[in-house]
Amino acid sequence: MSQGDSFGADLLPFVIQALSASGSSTGAGPVLPMLFGAISETVASAPVANGSPAPPSTGRWDALIQDVAARRGLDPALLRAVMMAESGGNPAARSPAGALGLMQLMPSTARALGVDPLDPAQNLDGGAQYLRSLLDRYGGDVLKATAAYNAGPGAVDRYGGIPPYQETQAYVRRIQQLYARYV
């Protein structure tokens, strides 16, 4: 079993529990909060980089996050978790690869989405649009969508799930930890 397969296998009981509780075997609908709720019980007490049980503050961006999440049909806690994992809430963040802003949009992605990556509101909206498209592409599978946000959809498609890249697996776990702390 590859490292990627092992990671997904660890989450299988949560997926089964969430799907059973919802009475559904498809889509995200009510499953997303239940799935992440089940995960949050497990990872909420997991140690984080700073060792603090309190979630990192997003106060400066809270109203914008709520607005964008509502417009894009996203759970605000998930949008907040991705933003914090990507930039720590820093609108001036720049990655060595050239990703920009709160949601770390590549300039080509920002152009395709029609947003200015240096404008925090547009950057957050563009990242939310992209995340929404990934959730739609992967049938509401948050793990695949967040892995694709990090490694690209080509890698997720190629491996049929979370790629066996240490960075991507750590990223998905970080999103889960942050989500559990924001719900």
N, C-alpha and C. Protein backbone atom coordinates (compact mmCIF):
# COMPACT_ATOMS: atom_id res chain seq x y z
N MET A 1 0.85 -1.18 0.00
CA MET A 1 0.00 0.00 0.00
C MET A 1 0.89 1.23 0.00
N SER A 2 0.63 2.18 -0.87
CA SER A 2 1.44 3.39 -0.94
C SER A 2 1.11 4.32 0.22
N GLN A 3 1.97 5.29 0.43
CA GLN A 3 1.73 6.26 1.50
C GLN A 3 0.39 6.96 1.29
N GLY A 4 0.06 7.30 0.06
CA GLY A 4 -1.22 7.96 -0.23
C GLY A 4 -2.40 7.07 0.10
N ASP A 5 -2.30 5.76 -0.23
CA ASP A 5 -3.38 4.84 0.07
C ASP A 5 -3.58 4.71 1.58
N SER A 6 -2.47 4.67 2.32
CA SER A 6 -2.54 4.55 3.77
C SER A 6 -3.23 5.76 4.38
N PHE A 7 -2.92 6.94 3.88
CA PHE A 7 -3.53 8.15 4.40
C PHE A 7 -5.05 8.10 4.23
N GLY A 8 -5.52 7.73 3.04
CA GLY A 8 -6.95 7.64 2.79
C GLY A 8 -7.61 6.55 3.61
N ALA A 9 -6.91 5.42 3.82
CA ALA A 9 -7.45 4.32 4.59
C ALA A 9 -7.69 4.74 6.03
N ASP A 10 -6.84 5.62 6.56
CA ASP A 10 -7.02 6.10 7.93
C ASP A 10 -8.33 6.87 8.09
N LEU A 11 -8.80 7.49 7.01
CA LEU A 11 -10.02 8.30 7.07
C LEU A 11 -11.27 7.52 6.69
N LEU A 12 -11.12 6.32 6.17
CA LEU A 12 -12.27 5.54 5.70
C LEU A 12 -13.36 5.38 6.75
N PRO A 13 -13.03 5.07 8.03
CA PRO A 13 -14.12 4.95 9.02
C PRO A 13 -14.94 6.23 9.15
N PHE A 14 -14.29 7.39 9.03
CA PHE A 14 -15.02 8.65 9.15
C PHE A 14 -15.96 8.85 7.95
N VAL A 15 -15.49 8.48 6.78
CA VAL A 15 -16.30 8.61 5.58
C VAL A 15 -17.52 7.70 5.68
N ILE A 16 -17.30 6.46 6.07
CA ILE A 16 -18.41 5.51 6.20
C ILE A 16 -19.39 5.99 7.25
N GLN A 17 -18.88 6.46 8.39
CA GLN A 17 -19.76 6.96 9.44
C GLN A 17 -20.58 8.14 8.95
N ALA A 18 -19.94 9.08 8.26
CA ALA A 18 -20.65 10.26 7.78
C ALA A 18 -21.69 9.89 6.74
N LEU A 19 -21.36 9.01 5.82
CA LEU A 19 -22.31 8.60 4.79
C LEU A 19 -23.46 7.82 5.40
N SER A 20 -23.18 6.97 6.37
CA SER A 20 -24.23 6.19 7.02
C SER A 20 -25.19 7.12 7.75
N ALA A 21 -24.63 8.08 8.45
CA ALA A 21 -25.46 9.00 9.22
C ALA A 21 -26.34 9.85 8.32
N SER A 22 -25.86 10.13 7.11
CA SER A 22 -26.63 10.99 6.22
C SER A 22 -27.65 10.22 5.42
N GLY A 23 -27.47 8.89 5.37
CA GLY A 23 -28.36 8.08 4.55
C GLY A 23 -28.09 8.26 3.08
N SER A 24 -26.92 8.80 2.74
CA SER A 24 -26.59 9.10 1.36
C SER A 24 -25.26 8.47 1.01
N SER A 25 -25.11 8.16 -0.27
CA SER A 25 -23.82 7.65 -0.72
C SER A 25 -23.23 8.55 -1.80
N THR A 26 -23.83 9.71 -2.01
CA THR A 26 -23.32 10.61 -3.04
C THR A 26 -23.32 12.04 -2.54
N GLY A 27 -22.55 12.86 -3.22
CA GLY A 27 -22.57 14.31 -3.01
C GLY A 27 -22.06 14.76 -1.66
N ALA A 28 -21.89 16.07 -1.52
CA ALA A 28 -21.37 16.61 -0.28
C ALA A 28 -22.51 17.02 0.63
N GLY A 29 -23.49 17.73 0.08
CA GLY A 29 -24.65 18.19 0.83
C GLY A 29 -24.42 18.19 2.33
N PRO A 30 -25.24 17.42 3.08
CA PRO A 30 -25.07 17.38 4.52
C PRO A 30 -23.88 16.55 4.96
N VAL A 31 -23.25 15.84 4.04
CA VAL A 31 -22.14 14.97 4.42
C VAL A 31 -20.91 15.78 4.82
N LEU A 32 -20.64 16.89 4.15
CA LEU A 32 -19.44 17.67 4.45
C LEU A 32 -19.34 18.04 5.92
N PRO A 33 -20.35 18.68 6.52
CA PRO A 33 -20.22 19.02 7.93
C PRO A 33 -20.10 17.77 8.81
N MET A 34 -20.82 16.69 8.47
CA MET A 34 -20.72 15.49 9.28
C MET A 34 -19.35 14.85 9.15
N LEU A 35 -18.83 14.78 7.93
CA LEU A 35 -17.52 14.18 7.71
C LEU A 35 -16.46 14.98 8.46
N PHE A 36 -16.46 16.28 8.28
CA PHE A 36 -15.46 17.08 8.96
C PHE A 36 -15.75 17.13 10.46
N GLY A 37 -17.02 17.00 10.85
CA GLY A 37 -17.33 16.92 12.28
C GLY A 37 -16.71 15.68 12.90
N ALA A 38 -16.81 14.55 12.21
CA ALA A 38 -16.21 13.32 12.70
C ALA A 38 -14.70 13.45 12.75
N ILE A 39 -14.13 14.06 11.73
CA ILE A 39 -12.69 14.25 11.71
C ILE A 39 -12.28 15.21 12.81
N SER A 40 -13.08 16.25 13.03
CA SER A 40 -12.70 17.25 14.01
C SER A 40 -12.61 16.66 15.41
N GLU A 41 -13.43 15.66 15.72
CA GLU A 41 -13.34 15.02 17.02
C GLU A 41 -11.99 14.35 17.18
N THR A 42 -11.43 13.87 16.10
CA THR A 42 -10.15 13.17 16.15
C THR A 42 -8.97 14.11 16.13
N VAL A 43 -9.03 15.16 15.29
CA VAL A 43 -7.86 16.01 15.12
C VAL A 43 -7.89 17.30 15.93
N ALA A 44 -9.00 17.61 16.58
CA ALA A 44 -9.08 18.88 17.31
C ALA A 44 -7.99 18.97 18.37
N SER A 45 -7.65 17.85 18.97
CA SER A 45 -6.63 17.88 20.02
C SER A 45 -5.24 17.56 19.48
N ALA A 46 -5.12 17.34 18.17
CA ALA A 46 -3.81 17.05 17.59
C ALA A 46 -2.91 18.26 17.73
N PRO A 47 -1.63 18.02 18.00
CA PRO A 47 -0.74 19.17 18.13
C PRO A 47 -0.61 19.92 16.82
N VAL A 48 -0.46 21.22 16.92
CA VAL A 48 -0.26 22.05 15.75
C VAL A 48 1.09 22.73 15.89
N ALA A 49 1.54 23.34 14.83
CA ALA A 49 2.88 23.92 14.79
C ALA A 49 3.16 24.83 15.98
N ASN A 50 2.21 25.64 16.38
CA ASN A 50 2.46 26.57 17.48
C ASN A 50 2.04 26.01 18.83
N GLY A 51 1.46 24.81 18.87
CA GLY A 51 1.07 24.16 20.11
C GLY A 51 -0.14 24.77 20.78
N SER A 52 -0.75 25.78 20.21
CA SER A 52 -1.88 26.48 20.81
C SER A 52 -3.19 25.83 20.44
N PRO A 53 -4.08 25.62 21.42
CA PRO A 53 -5.39 25.05 21.09
C PRO A 53 -6.32 26.05 20.41
N ALA A 54 -6.05 27.34 20.55
CA ALA A 54 -6.92 28.34 19.92
C ALA A 54 -6.59 28.44 18.44
N PRO A 55 -7.63 28.55 17.60
CA PRO A 55 -7.35 28.67 16.16
C PRO A 55 -6.69 30.01 15.85
N PRO A 56 -5.86 30.03 14.82
CA PRO A 56 -5.28 31.31 14.41
C PRO A 56 -6.39 32.31 14.07
N SER A 57 -6.21 33.53 14.49
CA SER A 57 -7.23 34.56 14.27
C SER A 57 -7.33 34.96 12.81
N THR A 58 -8.56 35.07 12.35
CA THR A 58 -8.83 35.59 11.01
C THR A 58 -9.72 36.82 11.12
N GLY A 59 -9.78 37.41 12.30
CA GLY A 59 -10.69 38.51 12.59
C GLY A 59 -10.75 39.59 11.53
N ARG A 60 -9.59 39.97 11.02
CA ARG A 60 -9.55 41.03 10.01
C ARG A 60 -10.33 40.64 8.76
N TRP A 61 -10.41 39.36 8.47
CA TRP A 61 -11.03 38.89 7.23
C TRP A 61 -12.38 38.20 7.46
N ASP A 62 -12.86 38.12 8.71
CA ASP A 62 -14.05 37.33 8.99
C ASP A 62 -15.29 37.73 8.18
N ALA A 63 -15.59 39.00 8.09
CA ALA A 63 -16.78 39.44 7.35
C ALA A 63 -16.64 39.09 5.87
N LEU A 64 -15.46 39.30 5.32
CA LEU A 64 -15.22 38.98 3.91
C LEU A 64 -15.33 37.47 3.68
N ILE A 65 -14.77 36.68 4.58
CA ILE A 65 -14.85 35.22 4.46
C ILE A 65 -16.31 34.78 4.47
N GLN A 66 -17.10 35.31 5.39
CA GLN A 66 -18.52 34.94 5.48
C GLN A 66 -19.25 35.28 4.18
N ASP A 67 -19.01 36.47 3.66
CA ASP A 67 -19.66 36.93 2.43
C ASP A 67 -19.26 36.06 1.24
N VAL A 68 -17.97 35.85 1.06
CA VAL A 68 -17.49 35.07 -0.08
C VAL A 68 -17.95 33.62 0.03
N ALA A 69 -17.87 33.05 1.20
CA ALA A 69 -18.31 31.66 1.39
C ALA A 69 -19.79 31.51 1.04
N ALA A 70 -20.61 32.45 1.47
CA ALA A 70 -22.04 32.39 1.16
C ALA A 70 -22.29 32.49 -0.34
N ARG A 71 -21.60 33.42 -1.00
CA ARG A 71 -21.77 33.59 -2.45
C ARG A 71 -21.30 32.38 -3.24
N ARG A 72 -20.26 31.72 -2.77
CA ARG A 72 -19.67 30.59 -3.51
C ARG A 72 -20.14 29.23 -3.02
N GLY A 73 -21.06 29.22 -2.06
CA GLY A 73 -21.60 27.95 -1.57
C GLY A 73 -20.57 27.11 -0.83
N LEU A 74 -19.73 27.77 -0.05
CA LEU A 74 -18.70 27.08 0.71
C LEU A 74 -18.95 27.20 2.21
N ASP A 75 -18.46 26.24 2.94
CA ASP A 75 -18.47 26.32 4.39
C ASP A 75 -17.41 27.36 4.78
N PRO A 76 -17.80 28.40 5.53
CA PRO A 76 -16.82 29.43 5.90
C PRO A 76 -15.62 28.86 6.65
N ALA A 77 -15.83 27.83 7.44
CA ALA A 77 -14.71 27.23 8.18
C ALA A 77 -13.71 26.60 7.22
N LEU A 78 -14.19 26.01 6.14
CA LEU A 78 -13.28 25.42 5.16
C LEU A 78 -12.51 26.51 4.42
N LEU A 79 -13.20 27.57 4.00
CA LEU A 79 -12.53 28.68 3.32
C LEU A 79 -11.48 29.31 4.23
N ARG A 80 -11.85 29.49 5.49
CA ARG A 80 -10.93 30.07 6.47
C ARG A 80 -9.71 29.16 6.64
N ALA A 81 -9.92 27.84 6.72
CA ALA A 81 -8.82 26.89 6.90
C ALA A 81 -7.86 26.93 5.71
N VAL A 82 -8.41 26.98 4.50
CA VAL A 82 -7.55 27.02 3.31
C VAL A 82 -6.76 28.33 3.28
N MET A 83 -7.43 29.44 3.57
CA MET A 83 -6.74 30.73 3.57
C MET A 83 -5.59 30.73 4.57
N MET A 84 -5.84 30.22 5.76
CA MET A 84 -4.80 30.24 6.79
C MET A 84 -3.67 29.27 6.45
N ALA A 85 -3.99 28.13 5.86
CA ALA A 85 -2.94 27.18 5.46
C ALA A 85 -2.11 27.77 4.33
N GLU A 86 -2.74 28.52 3.46
CA GLU A 86 -2.04 29.08 2.31
C GLU A 86 -1.15 30.26 2.67
N SER A 87 -1.69 31.22 3.43
CA SER A 87 -0.95 32.48 3.63
C SER A 87 -0.87 32.93 5.08
N GLY A 88 -1.52 32.22 5.98
CA GLY A 88 -1.58 32.69 7.36
C GLY A 88 -2.36 33.98 7.50
N GLY A 89 -3.18 34.29 6.49
CA GLY A 89 -3.97 35.52 6.51
C GLY A 89 -3.21 36.75 6.05
N ASN A 90 -2.08 36.54 5.39
CA ASN A 90 -1.24 37.65 4.93
C ASN A 90 -1.58 37.97 3.47
N PRO A 91 -2.20 39.13 3.21
CA PRO A 91 -2.57 39.48 1.84
C PRO A 91 -1.36 39.78 0.94
N ALA A 92 -0.20 40.00 1.55
CA ALA A 92 1.01 40.29 0.77
C ALA A 92 1.90 39.06 0.60
N ALA A 93 1.40 37.89 1.01
CA ALA A 93 2.21 36.66 0.92
C ALA A 93 2.56 36.36 -0.53
N ARG A 94 3.81 35.93 -0.72
CA ARG A 94 4.29 35.51 -2.04
C ARG A 94 5.10 34.24 -1.84
N SER A 95 4.78 33.22 -2.61
CA SER A 95 5.53 31.97 -2.50
C SER A 95 6.73 32.01 -3.45
N PRO A 96 7.71 31.15 -3.19
CA PRO A 96 8.84 31.07 -4.13
C PRO A 96 8.40 30.69 -5.54
N ALA A 97 7.27 29.99 -5.66
CA ALA A 97 6.77 29.59 -6.98
C ALA A 97 6.01 30.72 -7.67
N GLY A 98 5.72 31.81 -6.93
CA GLY A 98 5.03 32.95 -7.55
C GLY A 98 3.57 33.10 -7.16
N ALA A 99 3.06 32.23 -6.26
CA ALA A 99 1.67 32.35 -5.81
C ALA A 99 1.53 33.61 -4.95
N LEU A 100 0.37 34.25 -5.05
CA LEU A 100 0.16 35.56 -4.44
C LEU A 100 -1.05 35.61 -3.52
N GLY A 101 -0.92 36.39 -2.46
CA GLY A 101 -2.05 36.80 -1.65
C GLY A 101 -2.60 35.79 -0.67
N LEU A 102 -3.77 36.12 -0.14
CA LEU A 102 -4.42 35.33 0.89
C LEU A 102 -4.61 33.86 0.51
N MET A 103 -5.03 33.63 -0.72
CA MET A 103 -5.32 32.26 -1.17
C MET A 103 -4.20 31.70 -2.04
N GLN A 104 -3.10 32.43 -2.13
CA GLN A 104 -1.91 31.99 -2.87
C GLN A 104 -2.26 31.56 -4.29
N LEU A 105 -2.86 32.48 -5.02
CA LEU A 105 -3.22 32.23 -6.41
C LEU A 105 -2.02 32.45 -7.31
N MET A 106 -1.81 31.53 -8.22
CA MET A 106 -0.80 31.74 -9.26
C MET A 106 -1.34 32.82 -10.19
N PRO A 107 -0.49 33.66 -10.74
CA PRO A 107 -0.97 34.72 -11.63
C PRO A 107 -1.83 34.19 -12.79
N SER A 108 -1.47 33.05 -13.36
CA SER A 108 -2.27 32.49 -14.47
C SER A 108 -3.65 32.05 -13.99
N THR A 109 -3.72 31.52 -12.78
CA THR A 109 -5.02 31.12 -12.22
C THR A 109 -5.87 32.35 -11.96
N ALA A 110 -5.25 33.38 -11.39
CA ALA A 110 -5.98 34.63 -11.12
C ALA A 110 -6.53 35.22 -12.42
N ARG A 111 -5.70 35.22 -13.48
CA ARG A 111 -6.17 35.73 -14.78
C ARG A 111 -7.35 34.92 -15.28
N ALA A 112 -7.25 33.59 -15.19
CA ALA A 112 -8.33 32.72 -15.67
C ALA A 112 -9.62 32.95 -14.88
N LEU A 113 -9.48 33.32 -13.61
CA LEU A 113 -10.65 33.58 -12.76
C LEU A 113 -11.12 35.03 -12.86
N GLY A 114 -10.34 35.85 -13.54
CA GLY A 114 -10.71 37.26 -13.70
C GLY A 114 -10.57 38.08 -12.44
N VAL A 115 -9.57 37.76 -11.61
CA VAL A 115 -9.39 38.51 -10.37
C VAL A 115 -7.98 39.10 -10.30
N ASP A 116 -7.85 40.15 -9.53
CA ASP A 116 -6.55 40.77 -9.25
C ASP A 116 -6.01 40.07 -8.01
N PRO A 117 -4.93 39.29 -8.14
CA PRO A 117 -4.43 38.54 -6.99
C PRO A 117 -3.86 39.41 -5.88
N LEU A 118 -3.60 40.69 -6.18
CA LEU A 118 -3.06 41.59 -5.17
C LEU A 118 -4.15 42.32 -4.38
N ASP A 119 -5.38 42.21 -4.81
CA ASP A 119 -6.52 42.79 -4.09
C ASP A 119 -7.06 41.70 -3.17
N PRO A 120 -6.99 41.89 -1.83
CA PRO A 120 -7.39 40.82 -0.92
C PRO A 120 -8.81 40.28 -1.15
N ALA A 121 -9.77 41.16 -1.41
CA ALA A 121 -11.15 40.70 -1.62
C ALA A 121 -11.26 39.87 -2.89
N GLN A 122 -10.61 40.33 -3.96
CA GLN A 122 -10.65 39.58 -5.21
C GLN A 122 -9.87 38.27 -5.09
N ASN A 123 -8.75 38.30 -4.38
CA ASN A 123 -7.95 37.10 -4.20
C ASN A 123 -8.75 36.04 -3.43
N LEU A 124 -9.40 36.45 -2.36
CA LEU A 124 -10.20 35.50 -1.57
C LEU A 124 -11.34 34.95 -2.42
N ASP A 125 -11.99 35.82 -3.19
CA ASP A 125 -13.07 35.36 -4.05
C ASP A 125 -12.56 34.40 -5.12
N GLY A 126 -11.41 34.72 -5.71
CA GLY A 126 -10.84 33.84 -6.73
C GLY A 126 -10.47 32.48 -6.15
N GLY A 127 -9.87 32.48 -4.96
CA GLY A 127 -9.54 31.22 -4.31
C GLY A 127 -10.79 30.41 -3.98
N ALA A 128 -11.85 31.12 -3.57
CA ALA A 128 -13.11 30.44 -3.27
C ALA A 128 -13.73 29.85 -4.54
N GLN A 129 -13.66 30.61 -5.63
CA GLN A 129 -14.15 30.08 -6.92
C GLN A 129 -13.41 28.81 -7.30
N TYR A 130 -12.09 28.86 -7.16
CA TYR A 130 -11.26 27.71 -7.52
C TYR A 130 -11.56 26.52 -6.61
N LEU A 131 -11.66 26.76 -5.31
CA LEU A 131 -11.98 25.69 -4.37
C LEU A 131 -13.35 25.10 -4.68
N ARG A 132 -14.33 25.96 -4.97
CA ARG A 132 -15.68 25.48 -5.33
C ARG A 132 -15.61 24.59 -6.57
N SER A 133 -14.82 25.00 -7.58
CA SER A 133 -14.71 24.20 -8.80
C SER A 133 -14.07 22.85 -8.52
N LEU A 134 -13.11 22.81 -7.60
CA LEU A 134 -12.47 21.54 -7.24
C LEU A 134 -13.43 20.64 -6.47
N LEU A 135 -14.22 21.23 -5.57
CA LEU A 135 -15.23 20.43 -4.86
C LEU A 135 -16.24 19.86 -5.84
N ASP A 136 -16.66 20.65 -6.81
CA ASP A 136 -17.59 20.16 -7.83
C ASP A 136 -16.94 19.06 -8.67
N ARG A 137 -15.70 19.26 -9.05
CA ARG A 137 -14.98 18.27 -9.87
C ARG A 137 -14.87 16.93 -9.16
N TYR A 138 -14.65 16.96 -7.84
CA TYR A 138 -14.46 15.73 -7.08
C TYR A 138 -15.68 15.33 -6.27
N GLY A 139 -16.85 15.74 -6.75
CA GLY A 139 -18.10 15.29 -6.14
C GLY A 139 -18.23 15.63 -4.66
N GLY A 140 -17.69 16.76 -4.26
CA GLY A 140 -17.79 17.18 -2.87
C GLY A 140 -16.73 16.57 -1.96
N ASP A 141 -15.81 15.80 -2.51
CA ASP A 141 -14.76 15.17 -1.71
C ASP A 141 -13.75 16.24 -1.29
N VAL A 142 -13.82 16.65 -0.03
CA VAL A 142 -12.99 17.73 0.48
C VAL A 142 -11.52 17.34 0.48
N LEU A 143 -11.23 16.09 0.75
CA LEU A 143 -9.83 15.65 0.80
C LEU A 143 -9.20 15.76 -0.59
N LYS A 144 -9.90 15.29 -1.61
CA LYS A 144 -9.37 15.40 -2.97
C LYS A 144 -9.30 16.86 -3.41
N ALA A 145 -10.33 17.64 -3.08
CA ALA A 145 -10.35 19.05 -3.49
C ALA A 145 -9.21 19.83 -2.87
N THR A 146 -8.96 19.61 -1.58
CA THR A 146 -7.88 20.35 -0.94
C THR A 146 -6.52 19.84 -1.41
N ALA A 147 -6.42 18.54 -1.68
CA ALA A 147 -5.17 18.02 -2.25
C ALA A 147 -4.92 18.65 -3.62
N ALA A 148 -5.98 18.80 -4.42
CA ALA A 148 -5.84 19.41 -5.75
C ALA A 148 -5.52 20.89 -5.63
N TYR A 149 -6.02 21.56 -4.60
CA TYR A 149 -5.69 22.97 -4.41
C TYR A 149 -4.18 23.11 -4.20
N ASN A 150 -3.59 22.13 -3.55
CA ASN A 150 -2.15 22.17 -3.27
C ASN A 150 -1.30 21.62 -4.40
N ALA A 151 -1.64 20.45 -4.90
CA ALA A 151 -0.78 19.75 -5.87
C ALA A 151 -1.27 19.87 -7.31
N GLY A 152 -2.48 20.36 -7.48
CA GLY A 152 -3.08 20.45 -8.80
C GLY A 152 -3.98 19.27 -9.09
N PRO A 153 -5.04 19.50 -9.86
CA PRO A 153 -5.97 18.41 -10.17
C PRO A 153 -5.33 17.29 -10.98
N GLY A 154 -4.33 17.61 -11.79
CA GLY A 154 -3.66 16.56 -12.57
C GLY A 154 -3.04 15.51 -11.67
N ALA A 155 -2.42 15.94 -10.58
CA ALA A 155 -1.79 14.99 -9.66
C ALA A 155 -2.85 14.14 -8.95
N VAL A 156 -3.95 14.77 -8.53
CA VAL A 156 -5.02 14.03 -7.86
C VAL A 156 -5.63 13.02 -8.83
N ASP A 157 -5.85 13.43 -10.07
CA ASP A 157 -6.40 12.51 -11.07
C ASP A 157 -5.43 11.36 -11.35
N ARG A 158 -4.17 11.69 -11.48
CA ARG A 158 -3.15 10.68 -11.80
C ARG A 158 -3.08 9.60 -10.71
N TYR A 159 -3.21 10.00 -9.44
CA TYR A 159 -3.11 9.05 -8.34
C TYR A 159 -4.47 8.57 -7.84
N GLY A 160 -5.54 9.09 -8.40
CA GLY A 160 -6.87 8.66 -7.97
C GLY A 160 -7.21 9.08 -6.55
N GLY A 161 -6.59 10.13 -6.07
CA GLY A 161 -6.80 10.62 -4.71
C GLY A 161 -5.65 11.49 -4.30
N ILE A 162 -5.42 11.55 -3.00
CA ILE A 162 -4.35 12.39 -2.48
C ILE A 162 -3.02 11.82 -2.97
N PRO A 163 -2.25 12.64 -3.68
CA PRO A 163 -0.97 12.15 -4.20
C PRO A 163 -0.01 11.76 -3.06
N PRO A 164 0.91 10.88 -3.35
CA PRO A 164 1.86 10.44 -2.31
C PRO A 164 3.00 11.43 -2.08
N TYR A 165 2.68 12.70 -2.16
CA TYR A 165 3.66 13.75 -1.92
C TYR A 165 3.56 14.15 -0.45
N GLN A 166 4.68 14.12 0.24
CA GLN A 166 4.68 14.46 1.66
C GLN A 166 4.08 15.85 1.89
N GLU A 167 4.44 16.83 1.05
CA GLU A 167 3.93 18.19 1.22
C GLU A 167 2.40 18.22 1.11
N THR A 168 1.86 17.52 0.12
CA THR A 168 0.41 17.54 -0.08
C THR A 168 -0.31 16.82 1.04
N GLN A 169 0.22 15.70 1.48
CA GLN A 169 -0.41 14.98 2.58
C GLN A 169 -0.39 15.81 3.86
N ALA A 170 0.70 16.49 4.12
CA ALA A 170 0.78 17.37 5.30
C ALA A 170 -0.19 18.53 5.15
N TYR A 171 -0.33 19.05 3.93
CA TYR A 171 -1.25 20.16 3.67
C TYR A 171 -2.69 19.74 3.96
N VAL A 172 -3.09 18.58 3.47
CA VAL A 172 -4.46 18.11 3.70
C VAL A 172 -4.70 17.91 5.19
N ARG A 173 -3.74 17.34 5.89
CA ARG A 173 -3.88 17.18 7.35
C ARG A 173 -3.99 18.55 8.02
N ARG A 174 -3.22 19.51 7.56
CA ARG A 174 -3.26 20.86 8.14
C ARG A 174 -4.64 21.49 7.93
N ILE A 175 -5.20 21.31 6.75
CA ILE A 175 -6.56 21.82 6.49
C ILE A 175 -7.55 21.17 7.45
N GLN A 176 -7.44 19.86 7.65
CA GLN A 176 -8.34 19.16 8.56
C GLN A 176 -8.21 19.72 9.98
N GLN A 177 -6.97 19.92 10.43
CA GLN A 177 -6.75 20.46 11.77
C GLN A 177 -7.35 21.86 11.91
N LEU A 178 -7.07 22.70 10.94
CA LEU A 178 -7.61 24.06 10.99
C LEU A 178 -9.13 24.05 10.93
N TYR A 179 -9.69 23.26 10.04
CA TYR A 179 -11.15 23.18 9.93
C TYR A 179 -11.75 22.79 11.28
N ALA A 180 -11.18 21.78 11.89
CA ALA A 180 -11.70 21.29 13.18
C ALA A 180 -11.66 22.40 14.23
N ARG A 181 -10.72 23.28 14.15
CA ARG A 181 -10.60 24.36 15.12
C ARG A 181 -11.50 25.54 14.80
N TYR A 182 -11.94 25.67 13.53
CA TYR A 182 -12.80 26.80 13.14
C TYR A 182 -14.28 26.47 13.20
N VAL A 183 -14.66 25.21 13.27
CA VAL A 183 -16.10 24.88 13.30
C VAL A 183 -16.67 25.13 14.68
